[in-house]
Amino acid sequence: MAPETLSQNEIDALLGVRPGSGPVTLPAPRAVDAAAQAYDFRRPRRVSNEKLRTLQATYDRFTKALEGWLLGRVRGKVQLTVQSIEQFSFNEFTLSLPTPCASFIADVAESGGQQAVIDFGSEFAFYLVDRLFGGGTETSVANRALTPIERMAVRTTAERMWHLLSEAWSDYVDIGFEMTGFESIPEILRAANPEDPVLVANIEVVAGNMRSMLLIALPFAVLDKFFAGGSERRVTVLGSTTEIEATRGVTESSVRSTRIPVAARLPEFRLAMRQLLDLKPGSILATGLPRTAALDVLVGGQSRFQATPGRLGSTLAIRLLDRIGPAPESASAPLTRK
């Protein structure tokens, strides 16, 4: 019978090691999969891929409704695009805000004191101020907080956003918002505890040359019904046929009711200072321009057309000749009342 203890030569033979070949090297342990991530039991991730698709559709509907409302207020097209919807702690959200910021705070109805935050980027906030006060297309962004008067102008848009946000979430959770405050310093923003989880929607705002980010933070505590529910209602971005027609009617009505100043100006000509000094009510000014001289037509303060003067019955009128800049060809030029 063979002895119970194997000799070194027998062990080497079993391992396939030849005598004098050196020490045996065991195979390295298999590397951990790089895709594995640490799980935080204090802040479990609750935004699954299925929920994320529903959230994307919900906020898409919100942005389309807000675009239609802004169209008639700022006298220009504003495009909003949902960039991402993510879960953060409230502390992480405040650290992402610039200084100064333009954050409006609202109480969530029947939530036990929960609050939500909408932060307007500086570019978007000052764009709204310029447009709502009758400014031009160029937006001047100041490196300062909004003044009380500017804050009141932007507050109107914030109140509308809270209303549209409540409507967008109405398919899943009944959420009511009541505006309660404004903050321009992120470090003292106290809408929630630092470690409380919040759902943050990042929305890009584009209007002409202006680009900005609009952030919406909702506490997870008021969205438990949505994340805990197993059944979800189908949300469509465009809505039913009736909703599409209603939205189109509101948009067309807003566009048609928008008032834009239109002016026709004579070409430049020179006068002697003596002629200017002799001017008085009733004076006739000789311009030296021919009757067929082209007029500049200004739309919203910008040159858009060239025209000739004329009459339509007893009313002074102009006939548009050409459009300044690229434009589709037109069969005939309309006669426009002045």
C-alpha atoms as a PDB file:
ATOM      1  CA  MET A   1       0.000   0.000   0.000  1.00  0.00           C
ATOM      2  CA  ALA A   2       1.344   3.459  -0.902  1.00  0.00           C
ATOM      3  CA  PRO A   3       2.182   5.780   1.978  1.00  0.00           C
ATOM      4  CA  GLU A   4      -0.442   8.495   2.854  1.00  0.00           C
ATOM      5  CA  THR A   5       2.115  11.339   2.587  1.00  0.00           C
ATOM      6  CA  LEU A   6       3.273  12.197  -0.944  1.00  0.00           C
ATOM      7  CA  SER A   7       6.855  13.036  -1.606  1.00  0.00           C
ATOM      8  CA  GLN A   8       7.863  16.362  -3.252  1.00  0.00           C
ATOM      9  CA  ASN A   9       8.664  14.561  -6.509  1.00  0.00           C
ATOM     10  CA  GLU A  10       5.203  13.016  -6.553  1.00  0.00           C
ATOM     11  CA  ILE A  11       3.571  16.426  -5.916  1.00  0.00           C
ATOM     12  CA  ASP A  12       5.602  17.995  -8.729  1.00  0.00           C
ATOM     13  CA  ALA A  13       4.565  15.181 -11.028  1.00  0.00           C
ATOM     14  CA  LEU A  14       0.873  15.760 -10.258  1.00  0.00           C
ATOM     15  CA  LEU A  15       1.241  19.500 -10.941  1.00  0.00           C
ATOM     16  CA  GLY A  16       3.097  18.876 -14.177  1.00  0.00           C
ATOM     17  CA  VAL A  17       6.294  20.563 -13.001  1.00  0.00           C
ATOM     18  CA  ARG A  18       9.591  19.199 -14.110  1.00  0.00           C
ATOM     19  CA  PRO A  19      12.436  18.974 -11.584  1.00  0.00           C
ATOM     20  CA  GLY A  20      14.538  22.147 -11.463  1.00  0.00           C
ATOM     21  CA  SER A  21      11.965  24.306 -13.272  1.00  0.00           C
ATOM     22  CA  GLY A  22      11.522  26.728 -10.364  1.00  0.00           C
ATOM     23  CA  PRO A  23       8.605  27.545  -8.065  1.00  0.00           C
ATOM     24  CA  VAL A  24       5.035  26.920  -9.112  1.00  0.00           C
ATOM     25  CA  THR A  25       3.091  30.057 -10.134  1.00  0.00           C
ATOM     26  CA  LEU A  26      -0.614  29.892  -9.447  1.00  0.00           C
ATOM     27  CA  PRO A  27      -3.006  31.561 -11.941  1.00  0.00           C
ATOM     28  CA  ALA A  28      -4.039  35.149 -11.102  1.00  0.00           C
ATOM     29  CA  PRO A  29      -7.576  35.640  -9.820  1.00  0.00           C
ATOM     30  CA  ARG A  30     -10.079  36.756 -12.441  1.00  0.00           C
ATOM     31  CA  ALA A  31     -10.495  40.544 -12.587  1.00  0.00           C
ATOM     32  CA  VAL A  32     -13.756  41.997 -11.381  1.00  0.00           C
ATOM     33  CA  ASP A  33     -16.064  43.146 -14.172  1.00  0.00           C
ATOM     34  CA  ALA A  34     -15.384  46.842 -14.828  1.00  0.00           C
ATOM     35  CA  ALA A  35     -19.108  47.480 -15.369  1.00  0.00           C
ATOM     36  CA  ALA A  36     -19.922  46.595 -11.776  1.00  0.00           C
ATOM     37  CA  GLN A  37     -20.863  49.588  -9.632  1.00  0.00           C
ATOM     38  CA  ALA A  38     -21.086  50.037  -5.901  1.00  0.00           C
ATOM     39  CA  TYR A  39     -24.652  50.093  -4.577  1.00  0.00           C
ATOM     40  CA  ASP A  40     -25.510  52.837  -2.090  1.00  0.00           C
ATOM     41  CA  PHE A  41     -28.135  51.458   0.302  1.00  0.00           C
ATOM     42  CA  ARG A  42     -28.670  54.942   1.785  1.00  0.00           C
ATOM     43  CA  ARG A  43     -29.689  56.352  -1.613  1.00  0.00           C
ATOM     44  CA  PRO A  44     -31.002  53.521  -3.800  1.00  0.00           C
ATOM     45  CA  ARG A  45     -31.320  54.312  -7.503  1.00  0.00           C
ATOM     46  CA  ARG A  46     -35.000  54.426  -8.366  1.00  0.00           C
ATOM     47  CA  VAL A  47     -34.968  55.677 -11.958  1.00  0.00           C
ATOM     48  CA  SER A  48     -35.093  52.486 -14.016  1.00  0.00           C
ATOM     49  CA  ASN A  49     -34.964  52.457 -17.809  1.00  0.00           C
ATOM     50  CA  GLU A  50     -38.701  51.852 -17.992  1.00  0.00           C
ATOM     51  CA  LYS A  51     -39.441  54.771 -15.673  1.00  0.00           C
ATOM     52  CA  LEU A  52     -36.934  56.939 -17.541  1.00  0.00           C
ATOM     53  CA  ARG A  53     -38.846  56.530 -20.813  1.00  0.00           C
ATOM     54  CA  THR A  54     -42.047  57.622 -19.110  1.00  0.00           C
ATOM     55  CA  LEU A  55     -40.300  60.591 -17.489  1.00  0.00           C
ATOM     56  CA  GLN A  56     -38.851  61.619 -20.849  1.00  0.00           C
ATOM     57  CA  ALA A  57     -42.312  61.631 -22.429  1.00  0.00           C
ATOM     58  CA  THR A  58     -43.771  63.563 -19.484  1.00  0.00           C
ATOM     59  CA  TYR A  59     -41.168  66.321 -19.634  1.00  0.00           C
ATOM     60  CA  ASP A  60     -41.336  66.434 -23.431  1.00  0.00           C
ATOM     61  CA  ARG A  61     -45.018  67.252 -23.121  1.00  0.00           C
ATOM     62  CA  PHE A  62     -44.182  69.908 -20.531  1.00  0.00           C
ATOM     63  CA  THR A  63     -41.574  71.573 -22.786  1.00  0.00           C
ATOM     64  CA  LYS A  64     -43.923  71.638 -25.803  1.00  0.00           C
ATOM     65  CA  ALA A  65     -46.625  73.335 -23.744  1.00  0.00           C
ATOM     66  CA  LEU A  66     -44.119  75.856 -22.367  1.00  0.00           C
ATOM     67  CA  GLU A  67     -42.805  76.621 -25.871  1.00  0.00           C
ATOM     68  CA  GLY A  68     -46.325  77.462 -27.049  1.00  0.00           C
ATOM     69  CA  TRP A  69     -46.921  79.742 -24.080  1.00  0.00           C
ATOM     70  CA  LEU A  70     -43.590  81.567 -24.475  1.00  0.00           C
ATOM     71  CA  LEU A  71     -44.178  82.142 -28.196  1.00  0.00           C
ATOM     72  CA  GLY A  72     -46.668  84.940 -27.631  1.00  0.00           C
ATOM     73  CA  ARG A  73     -44.799  86.460 -24.663  1.00  0.00           C
ATOM     74  CA  VAL A  74     -41.262  86.924 -25.958  1.00  0.00           C
ATOM     75  CA  ARG A  75     -42.199  87.691 -29.593  1.00  0.00           C
ATOM     76  CA  GLY A  76     -39.855  85.024 -30.882  1.00  0.00           C
ATOM     77  CA  LYS A  77     -39.292  81.284 -31.076  1.00  0.00           C
ATOM     78  CA  VAL A  78     -37.868  79.541 -28.017  1.00  0.00           C
ATOM     79  CA  GLN A  79     -36.806  75.906 -28.331  1.00  0.00           C
ATOM     80  CA  LEU A  80     -36.645  73.668 -25.248  1.00  0.00           C
ATOM     81  CA  THR A  81     -35.014  70.225 -25.296  1.00  0.00           C
ATOM     82  CA  VAL A  82     -34.890  67.734 -22.431  1.00  0.00           C
ATOM     83  CA  GLN A  83     -31.205  66.797 -22.054  1.00  0.00           C
ATOM     84  CA  SER A  84     -31.391  64.409 -19.089  1.00  0.00           C
ATOM     85  CA  ILE A  85     -33.492  63.334 -16.101  1.00  0.00           C
ATOM     86  CA  GLU A  86     -31.404  62.107 -13.181  1.00  0.00           C
ATOM     87  CA  GLN A  87     -31.482  61.362  -9.458  1.00  0.00           C
ATOM     88  CA  PHE A  88     -29.267  63.467  -7.201  1.00  0.00           C
ATOM     89  CA  SER A  89     -29.080  64.441  -3.589  1.00  0.00           C
ATOM     90  CA  PHE A  90     -30.260  67.980  -2.908  1.00  0.00           C
ATOM     91  CA  ASN A  91     -26.711  68.918  -1.941  1.00  0.00           C
ATOM     92  CA  GLU A  92     -25.399  67.736  -5.331  1.00  0.00           C
ATOM     93  CA  PHE A  93     -28.131  69.759  -7.040  1.00  0.00           C
ATOM     94  CA  THR A  94     -27.206  72.988  -5.245  1.00  0.00           C
ATOM     95  CA  LEU A  95     -23.501  72.451  -5.985  1.00  0.00           C
ATOM     96  CA  SER A  96     -24.335  72.368  -9.709  1.00  0.00           C
ATOM     97  CA  LEU A  97     -25.975  75.822  -9.609  1.00  0.00           C
ATOM     98  CA  PRO A  98     -23.973  78.909 -10.636  1.00  0.00           C
ATOM     99  CA  THR A  99     -23.439  81.906  -8.357  1.00  0.00           C
ATOM    100  CA  PRO A 100     -25.545  83.974  -8.569  1.00  0.00           C
ATOM    101  CA  CYS A 101     -28.469  81.786  -9.563  1.00  0.00           C
ATOM    102  CA  ALA A 102     -32.131  82.529 -10.260  1.00  0.00           C
ATOM    103  CA  SER A 103     -34.037  79.842  -8.323  1.00  0.00           C
ATOM    104  CA  PHE A 104     -37.748  79.993  -7.573  1.00  0.00           C
ATOM    105  CA  ILE A 105     -39.037  77.822  -4.710  1.00  0.00           C
ATOM    106  CA  ALA A 106     -42.547  76.393  -4.413  1.00  0.00           C
ATOM    107  CA  ASP A 107     -44.334  74.445  -1.687  1.00  0.00           C
ATOM    108  CA  VAL A 108     -45.822  71.124  -2.786  1.00  0.00           C
ATOM    109  CA  ALA A 109     -49.437  70.947  -1.639  1.00  0.00           C
ATOM    110  CA  GLU A 110     -50.351  68.250   0.902  1.00  0.00           C
ATOM    111  CA  SER A 111     -46.788  66.904   1.100  1.00  0.00           C
ATOM    112  CA  GLY A 112     -45.853  67.679   4.694  1.00  0.00           C
ATOM    113  CA  GLY A 113     -43.656  70.670   3.876  1.00  0.00           C
ATOM    114  CA  GLN A 114     -41.849  69.329   0.784  1.00  0.00           C
ATOM    115  CA  GLN A 115     -40.538  71.968  -1.649  1.00  0.00           C
ATOM    116  CA  ALA A 116     -39.530  72.014  -5.313  1.00  0.00           C
ATOM    117  CA  VAL A 117     -37.078  74.294  -7.152  1.00  0.00           C
ATOM    118  CA  ILE A 118     -36.927  75.747 -10.665  1.00  0.00           C
ATOM    119  CA  ASP A 119     -33.620  77.375 -11.573  1.00  0.00           C
ATOM    120  CA  PHE A 120     -33.456  79.713 -14.566  1.00  0.00           C
ATOM    121  CA  GLY A 121     -29.999  79.971 -16.069  1.00  0.00           C
ATOM    122  CA  SER A 122     -28.599  83.507 -16.053  1.00  0.00           C
ATOM    123  CA  GLU A 123     -28.817  83.715 -19.853  1.00  0.00           C
ATOM    124  CA  PHE A 124     -32.462  82.598 -19.921  1.00  0.00           C
ATOM    125  CA  ALA A 125     -33.441  84.847 -16.999  1.00  0.00           C
ATOM    126  CA  PHE A 126     -31.969  87.995 -18.556  1.00  0.00           C
ATOM    127  CA  TYR A 127     -33.367  87.001 -21.963  1.00  0.00           C
ATOM    128  CA  LEU A 128     -36.854  86.963 -20.442  1.00  0.00           C
ATOM    129  CA  VAL A 129     -36.238  90.330 -18.775  1.00  0.00           C
ATOM    130  CA  ASP A 130     -35.116  91.894 -22.063  1.00  0.00           C
ATOM    131  CA  ARG A 131     -38.013  90.520 -24.088  1.00  0.00           C
ATOM    132  CA  LEU A 132     -40.754  91.141 -21.520  1.00  0.00           C
ATOM    133  CA  PHE A 133     -39.625  94.775 -21.191  1.00  0.00           C
ATOM    134  CA  GLY A 134     -39.598  95.287 -24.964  1.00  0.00           C
ATOM    135  CA  GLY A 135     -35.910  94.726 -25.652  1.00  0.00           C
ATOM    136  CA  GLY A 136     -34.365  93.699 -28.959  1.00  0.00           C
ATOM    137  CA  THR A 137     -32.855  90.458 -30.165  1.00  0.00           C
ATOM    138  CA  GLU A 138     -29.486  90.931 -28.450  1.00  0.00           C
ATOM    139  CA  THR A 139     -29.547  89.836 -24.806  1.00  0.00           C
ATOM    140  CA  SER A 140     -27.133  91.397 -22.324  1.00  0.00           C
ATOM    141  CA  VAL A 141     -26.240  89.033 -19.468  1.00  0.00           C
ATOM    142  CA  ALA A 142     -25.053  90.788 -16.322  1.00  0.00           C
ATOM    143  CA  ASN A 143     -22.903  89.012 -13.737  1.00  0.00           C
ATOM    144  CA  ARG A 144     -25.228  89.832 -10.862  1.00  0.00           C
ATOM    145  CA  ALA A 145     -28.422  88.680  -9.211  1.00  0.00           C
ATOM    146  CA  LEU A 146     -31.809  89.743 -10.535  1.00  0.00           C
ATOM    147  CA  THR A 147     -33.176  93.002  -9.133  1.00  0.00           C
ATOM    148  CA  PRO A 148     -36.625  92.959  -7.476  1.00  0.00           C
ATOM    149  CA  ILE A 149     -38.243  94.379 -10.633  1.00  0.00           C
ATOM    150  CA  GLU A 150     -36.485  91.861 -12.883  1.00  0.00           C
ATOM    151  CA  ARG A 151     -37.437  89.115 -10.456  1.00  0.00           C
ATOM    152  CA  MET A 152     -41.117  90.022 -10.761  1.00  0.00           C
ATOM    153  CA  ALA A 153     -40.888  89.820 -14.569  1.00  0.00           C
ATOM    154  CA  VAL A 154     -39.348  86.329 -14.485  1.00  0.00           C
ATOM    155  CA  ARG A 155     -41.758  85.247 -11.733  1.00  0.00           C
ATOM    156  CA  THR A 156     -44.640  85.340 -14.238  1.00  0.00           C
ATOM    157  CA  THR A 157     -42.903  82.684 -16.330  1.00  0.00           C
ATOM    158  CA  ALA A 158     -42.063  80.628 -13.230  1.00  0.00           C
ATOM    159  CA  GLU A 159     -45.706  80.622 -12.113  1.00  0.00           C
ATOM    160  CA  ARG A 160     -46.781  79.379 -15.538  1.00  0.00           C
ATOM    161  CA  MET A 161     -44.130  76.670 -15.426  1.00  0.00           C
ATOM    162  CA  TRP A 162     -45.388  75.394 -12.075  1.00  0.00           C
ATOM    163  CA  HIS A 163     -48.894  75.167 -13.563  1.00  0.00           C
ATOM    164  CA  LEU A 164     -47.721  73.305 -16.682  1.00  0.00           C
ATOM    165  CA  LEU A 165     -45.564  70.989 -14.564  1.00  0.00           C
ATOM    166  CA  SER A 166     -48.576  70.080 -12.448  1.00  0.00           C
ATOM    167  CA  GLU A 167     -50.557  69.287 -15.606  1.00  0.00           C
ATOM    168  CA  ALA A 168     -47.734  67.157 -17.033  1.00  0.00           C
ATOM    169  CA  TRP A 169     -47.592  65.015 -13.872  1.00  0.00           C
ATOM    170  CA  SER A 170     -51.385  64.746 -13.516  1.00  0.00           C
ATOM    171  CA  ASP A 171     -51.439  61.368 -15.317  1.00  0.00           C
ATOM    172  CA  TYR A 172     -49.519  59.781 -12.431  1.00  0.00           C
ATOM    173  CA  VAL A 173     -49.400  62.029  -9.360  1.00  0.00           C
ATOM    174  CA  ASP A 174     -51.622  64.910  -8.279  1.00  0.00           C
ATOM    175  CA  ILE A 175     -49.096  67.654  -7.503  1.00  0.00           C
ATOM    176  CA  GLY A 176     -49.985  71.240  -6.674  1.00  0.00           C
ATOM    177  CA  PHE A 177     -47.393  74.013  -6.394  1.00  0.00           C
ATOM    178  CA  GLU A 178     -47.528  77.358  -4.620  1.00  0.00           C
ATOM    179  CA  MET A 179     -44.727  79.871  -5.187  1.00  0.00           C
ATOM    180  CA  THR A 180     -43.120  80.825  -1.892  1.00  0.00           C
ATOM    181  CA  GLY A 181     -39.696  82.347  -2.499  1.00  0.00           C
ATOM    182  CA  PHE A 182     -36.670  83.219  -4.586  1.00  0.00           C
ATOM    183  CA  GLU A 183     -32.968  82.638  -3.951  1.00  0.00           C
ATOM    184  CA  SER A 184     -29.873  83.865  -5.788  1.00  0.00           C
ATOM    185  CA  ILE A 185     -27.200  82.190  -3.602  1.00  0.00           C
ATOM    186  CA  PRO A 186     -27.054  78.371  -3.965  1.00  0.00           C
ATOM    187  CA  GLU A 187     -25.254  77.894  -0.640  1.00  0.00           C
ATOM    188  CA  ILE A 188     -28.244  79.148   1.364  1.00  0.00           C
ATOM    189  CA  LEU A 189     -30.912  77.399  -0.696  1.00  0.00           C
ATOM    190  CA  ARG A 190     -32.815  75.347   1.893  1.00  0.00           C
ATOM    191  CA  ALA A 191     -35.672  73.693   0.019  1.00  0.00           C
ATOM    192  CA  ALA A 192     -34.722  70.209   1.338  1.00  0.00           C
ATOM    193  CA  ASN A 193     -32.210  68.405   3.533  1.00  0.00           C
ATOM    194  CA  PRO A 194     -28.777  67.999   1.900  1.00  0.00           C
ATOM    195  CA  GLU A 195     -29.037  64.192   1.609  1.00  0.00           C
ATOM    196  CA  ASP A 196     -32.664  64.065   0.444  1.00  0.00           C
ATOM    197  CA  PRO A 197     -32.985  62.587  -3.068  1.00  0.00           C
ATOM    198  CA  VAL A 198     -34.443  64.813  -5.784  1.00  0.00           C
ATOM    199  CA  LEU A 199     -35.392  64.177  -9.405  1.00  0.00           C
ATOM    200  CA  VAL A 200     -33.612  66.762 -11.587  1.00  0.00           C
ATOM    201  CA  ALA A 201     -34.658  67.514 -15.176  1.00  0.00           C
ATOM    202  CA  ASN A 202     -32.033  69.324 -17.279  1.00  0.00           C
ATOM    203  CA  ILE A 203     -33.673  71.280 -20.113  1.00  0.00           C
ATOM    204  CA  GLU A 204     -31.679  73.199 -22.734  1.00  0.00           C
ATOM    205  CA  VAL A 205     -33.175  76.538 -23.811  1.00  0.00           C
ATOM    206  CA  VAL A 206     -32.250  77.992 -27.223  1.00  0.00           C
ATOM    207  CA  ALA A 207     -33.508  81.332 -28.571  1.00  0.00           C
ATOM    208  CA  GLY A 208     -31.473  82.835 -31.400  1.00  0.00           C
ATOM    209  CA  ASN A 209     -27.875  83.073 -30.183  1.00  0.00           C
ATOM    210  CA  MET A 210     -28.892  82.527 -26.552  1.00  0.00           C
ATOM    211  CA  ARG A 211     -28.295  79.121 -24.944  1.00  0.00           C
ATOM    212  CA  SER A 212     -29.052  78.330 -21.337  1.00  0.00           C
ATOM    213  CA  MET A 213     -30.039  75.506 -18.990  1.00  0.00           C
ATOM    214  CA  LEU A 214     -33.303  75.241 -17.096  1.00  0.00           C
ATOM    215  CA  LEU A 215     -33.223  72.922 -14.045  1.00  0.00           C
ATOM    216  CA  ILE A 216     -36.282  71.492 -12.294  1.00  0.00           C
ATOM    217  CA  ALA A 217     -35.798  69.635  -8.992  1.00  0.00           C
ATOM    218  CA  LEU A 218     -38.689  67.665  -7.473  1.00  0.00           C
ATOM    219  CA  PRO A 219     -38.378  65.773  -4.167  1.00  0.00           C
ATOM    220  CA  PHE A 220     -38.705  62.004  -4.460  1.00  0.00           C
ATOM    221  CA  ALA A 221     -41.009  62.009  -1.441  1.00  0.00           C
ATOM    222  CA  VAL A 222     -43.859  63.468  -3.530  1.00  0.00           C
ATOM    223  CA  LEU A 223     -43.236  61.028  -6.416  1.00  0.00           C
ATOM    224  CA  ASP A 224     -43.532  57.789  -4.413  1.00  0.00           C
ATOM    225  CA  LYS A 225     -46.832  56.926  -6.073  1.00  0.00           C
ATOM    226  CA  PHE A 226     -45.194  57.110  -9.498  1.00  0.00           C
ATOM    227  CA  PHE A 227     -42.076  55.083  -8.631  1.00  0.00           C
ATOM    228  CA  ALA A 228     -43.895  52.515  -6.480  1.00  0.00           C
ATOM    229  CA  GLY A 229     -46.800  51.927  -8.882  1.00  0.00           C
ATOM    230  CA  GLY A 230     -46.653  48.938 -11.174  1.00  0.00           C
ATOM    231  CA  SER A 231     -49.071  50.170 -13.803  1.00  0.00           C
ATOM    232  CA  GLU A 232     -48.389  53.244 -15.862  1.00  0.00           C
ATOM    233  CA  ARG A 233     -50.638  55.239 -18.110  1.00  0.00           C
ATOM    234  CA  ARG A 234     -49.454  55.809 -21.648  1.00  0.00           C
ATOM    235  CA  VAL A 235     -48.178  59.342 -22.202  1.00  0.00           C
ATOM    236  CA  THR A 236     -47.874  60.698 -25.711  1.00  0.00           C
ATOM    237  CA  VAL A 237     -45.821  63.748 -26.483  1.00  0.00           C
ATOM    238  CA  LEU A 238     -48.254  65.226 -28.981  1.00  0.00           C
ATOM    239  CA  GLY A 239     -51.480  64.117 -27.348  1.00  0.00           C
ATOM    240  CA  SER A 240     -54.768  63.215 -29.004  1.00  0.00           C
ATOM    241  CA  THR A 241     -56.125  64.776 -32.176  1.00  0.00           C
ATOM    242  CA  THR A 242     -58.324  67.079 -30.131  1.00  0.00           C
ATOM    243  CA  GLU A 243     -55.358  68.221 -28.012  1.00  0.00           C
ATOM    244  CA  ILE A 244     -53.233  68.815 -31.125  1.00  0.00           C
ATOM    245  CA  GLU A 245     -55.938  70.979 -32.701  1.00  0.00           C
ATOM    246  CA  ALA A 246     -56.458  72.898 -29.448  1.00  0.00           C
ATOM    247  CA  THR A 247     -52.716  73.528 -29.065  1.00  0.00           C
ATOM    248  CA  ARG A 248     -52.440  74.612 -32.675  1.00  0.00           C
ATOM    249  CA  GLY A 249     -55.398  76.987 -32.244  1.00  0.00           C
ATOM    250  CA  VAL A 250     -53.835  78.593 -29.167  1.00  0.00           C
ATOM    251  CA  THR A 251     -50.464  78.938 -30.929  1.00  0.00           C
ATOM    252  CA  GLU A 252     -51.984  80.493 -34.042  1.00  0.00           C
ATOM    253  CA  SER A 253     -54.054  82.859 -31.937  1.00  0.00           C
ATOM    254  CA  SER A 254     -50.951  83.950 -30.021  1.00  0.00           C
ATOM    255  CA  VAL A 255     -49.027  84.541 -33.253  1.00  0.00           C
ATOM    256  CA  ARG A 256     -51.848  86.492 -34.885  1.00  0.00           C
ATOM    257  CA  SER A 257     -52.341  88.698 -31.831  1.00  0.00           C
ATOM    258  CA  THR A 258     -48.645  89.567 -31.593  1.00  0.00           C
ATOM    259  CA  ARG A 259     -48.100  93.230 -32.519  1.00  0.00           C
ATOM    260  CA  ILE A 260     -44.879  94.081 -34.360  1.00  0.00           C
ATOM    261  CA  PRO A 261     -44.014  97.679 -35.350  1.00  0.00           C
ATOM    262  CA  VAL A 262     -43.587  98.233 -39.105  1.00  0.00           C
ATOM    263  CA  ALA A 263     -42.097 101.488 -40.458  1.00  0.00           C
ATOM    264  CA  ALA A 264     -41.180 102.786 -43.923  1.00  0.00           C
ATOM    265  CA  ARG A 265     -38.249 105.210 -44.063  1.00  0.00           C
ATOM    266  CA  LEU A 266     -36.858 107.421 -46.803  1.00  0.00           C
ATOM    267  CA  PRO A 267     -33.264 106.897 -47.906  1.00  0.00           C
ATOM    268  CA  GLU A 268     -30.674 109.101 -46.228  1.00  0.00           C
ATOM    269  CA  PHE A 269     -30.224 112.646 -47.568  1.00  0.00           C
ATOM    270  CA  ARG A 270     -28.236 115.686 -46.449  1.00  0.00           C
ATOM    271  CA  LEU A 271     -29.461 119.109 -45.273  1.00  0.00           C
ATOM    272  CA  ALA A 272     -27.601 122.273 -44.431  1.00  0.00           C
ATOM    273  CA  MET A 273     -27.700 123.329 -40.814  1.00  0.00           C
ATOM    274  CA  ARG A 274     -29.408 126.588 -41.896  1.00  0.00           C
ATOM    275  CA  GLN A 275     -32.315 124.595 -43.344  1.00  0.00           C
ATOM    276  CA  LEU A 276     -32.690 122.665 -40.099  1.00  0.00           C
ATOM    277  CA  LEU A 277     -32.738 125.881 -38.080  1.00  0.00           C
ATOM    278  CA  ASP A 278     -35.477 127.310 -40.330  1.00  0.00           C
ATOM    279  CA  LEU A 279     -37.776 124.327 -39.849  1.00  0.00           C
ATOM    280  CA  LYS A 280     -41.133 124.986 -38.166  1.00  0.00           C
ATOM    281  CA  PRO A 281     -44.604 123.425 -38.183  1.00  0.00           C
ATOM    282  CA  GLY A 282     -45.973 123.495 -41.716  1.00  0.00           C
ATOM    283  CA  SER A 283     -42.581 123.729 -43.437  1.00  0.00           C
ATOM    284  CA  ILE A 284     -42.085 121.752 -46.645  1.00  0.00           C
ATOM    285  CA  LEU A 285     -38.783 119.932 -46.746  1.00  0.00           C
ATOM    286  CA  ALA A 286     -37.156 119.326 -50.140  1.00  0.00           C
ATOM    287  CA  THR A 287     -35.346 115.993 -49.930  1.00  0.00           C
ATOM    288  CA  GLY A 288     -33.963 115.977 -53.457  1.00  0.00           C
ATOM    289  CA  LEU A 289     -35.007 112.336 -53.814  1.00  0.00           C
ATOM    290  CA  PRO A 290     -36.892 111.114 -56.904  1.00  0.00           C
ATOM    291  CA  ARG A 291     -40.444 109.877 -56.526  1.00  0.00           C
ATOM    292  CA  THR A 292     -39.306 106.387 -57.467  1.00  0.00           C
ATOM    293  CA  ALA A 293     -36.654 106.207 -54.706  1.00  0.00           C
ATOM    294  CA  ALA A 294     -36.795 102.912 -52.818  1.00  0.00           C
ATOM    295  CA  LEU A 295     -37.915 103.046 -49.182  1.00  0.00           C
ATOM    296  CA  ASP A 296     -36.501 100.903 -46.388  1.00  0.00           C
ATOM    297  CA  VAL A 297     -39.177  98.858 -44.601  1.00  0.00           C
ATOM    298  CA  LEU A 298     -38.307  98.086 -40.970  1.00  0.00           C
ATOM    299  CA  VAL A 299     -40.039  95.197 -39.180  1.00  0.00           C
ATOM    300  CA  GLY A 300     -39.420  95.135 -35.464  1.00  0.00           C
ATOM    301  CA  GLY A 301     -36.674  97.750 -35.885  1.00  0.00           C
ATOM    302  CA  GLN A 302     -34.740  95.726 -38.497  1.00  0.00           C
ATOM    303  CA  SER A 303     -34.558  96.339 -42.260  1.00  0.00           C
ATOM    304  CA  ARG A 304     -36.460  93.558 -44.011  1.00  0.00           C
ATOM    305  CA  PHE A 305     -37.798  94.922 -47.312  1.00  0.00           C
ATOM    306  CA  GLN A 306     -37.413  97.610 -49.946  1.00  0.00           C
ATOM    307  CA  ALA A 307     -40.528  99.331 -51.287  1.00  0.00           C
ATOM    308  CA  THR A 308     -41.857 102.265 -53.329  1.00  0.00           C
ATOM    309  CA  PRO A 309     -44.445 104.778 -52.032  1.00  0.00           C
ATOM    310  CA  GLY A 310     -47.949 104.959 -53.451  1.00  0.00           C
ATOM    311  CA  ARG A 311     -51.658 105.130 -52.632  1.00  0.00           C
ATOM    312  CA  LEU A 312     -54.409 102.607 -52.156  1.00  0.00           C
ATOM    313  CA  GLY A 313     -57.566 104.643 -52.632  1.00  0.00           C
ATOM    314  CA  SER A 314     -57.227 107.597 -50.273  1.00  0.00           C
ATOM    315  CA  THR A 315     -54.722 105.801 -48.037  1.00  0.00           C
ATOM    316  CA  LEU A 316     -50.952 106.124 -48.258  1.00  0.00           C
ATOM    317  CA  ALA A 317     -49.372 102.768 -49.038  1.00  0.00           C
ATOM    318  CA  ILE A 318     -46.120 101.129 -50.074  1.00  0.00           C
ATOM    319  CA  ARG A 319     -45.456  98.378 -52.612  1.00  0.00           C
ATOM    320  CA  LEU A 320     -42.862  95.826 -51.535  1.00  0.00           C
ATOM    321  CA  LEU A 321     -40.169  95.326 -54.158  1.00  0.00           C
ATOM    322  CA  ASP A 322     -37.572  93.030 -52.687  1.00  0.00           C
ATOM    323  CA  ARG A 323     -36.737  91.285 -49.451  1.00  0.00           C
ATOM    324  CA  ILE A 324     -33.418  91.950 -47.774  1.00  0.00           C
ATOM    325  CA  GLY A 325     -31.652  88.644 -47.181  1.00  0.00           C
ATOM    326  CA  PRO A 326     -32.459  85.120 -48.421  1.00  0.00           C
ATOM    327  CA  ALA A 327     -36.155  84.492 -48.927  1.00  0.00           C
ATOM    328  CA  PRO A 328     -38.373  82.228 -51.042  1.00  0.00           C
ATOM    329  CA  GLU A 329     -39.318  83.649 -54.418  1.00  0.00           C
ATOM    330  CA  SER A 330     -42.755  85.228 -54.663  1.00  0.00           C
ATOM    331  CA  ALA A 331     -44.873  85.516 -57.789  1.00  0.00           C
ATOM    332  CA  SER A 332     -46.073  89.036 -57.022  1.00  0.00           C
ATOM    333  CA  ALA A 333     -45.355  91.718 -54.462  1.00  0.00           C
ATOM    334  CA  PRO A 334     -48.314  92.607 -52.227  1.00  0.00           C
ATOM    335  CA  LEU A 335     -49.496  96.159 -51.710  1.00  0.00           C
ATOM    336  CA  THR A 336     -49.261  96.921 -47.992  1.00  0.00           C
ATOM    337  CA  ARG A 337     -51.102  99.658 -46.152  1.00  0.00           C
ATOM    338  CA  LYS A 338     -48.889 102.092 -44.306  1.00  0.00           C
END
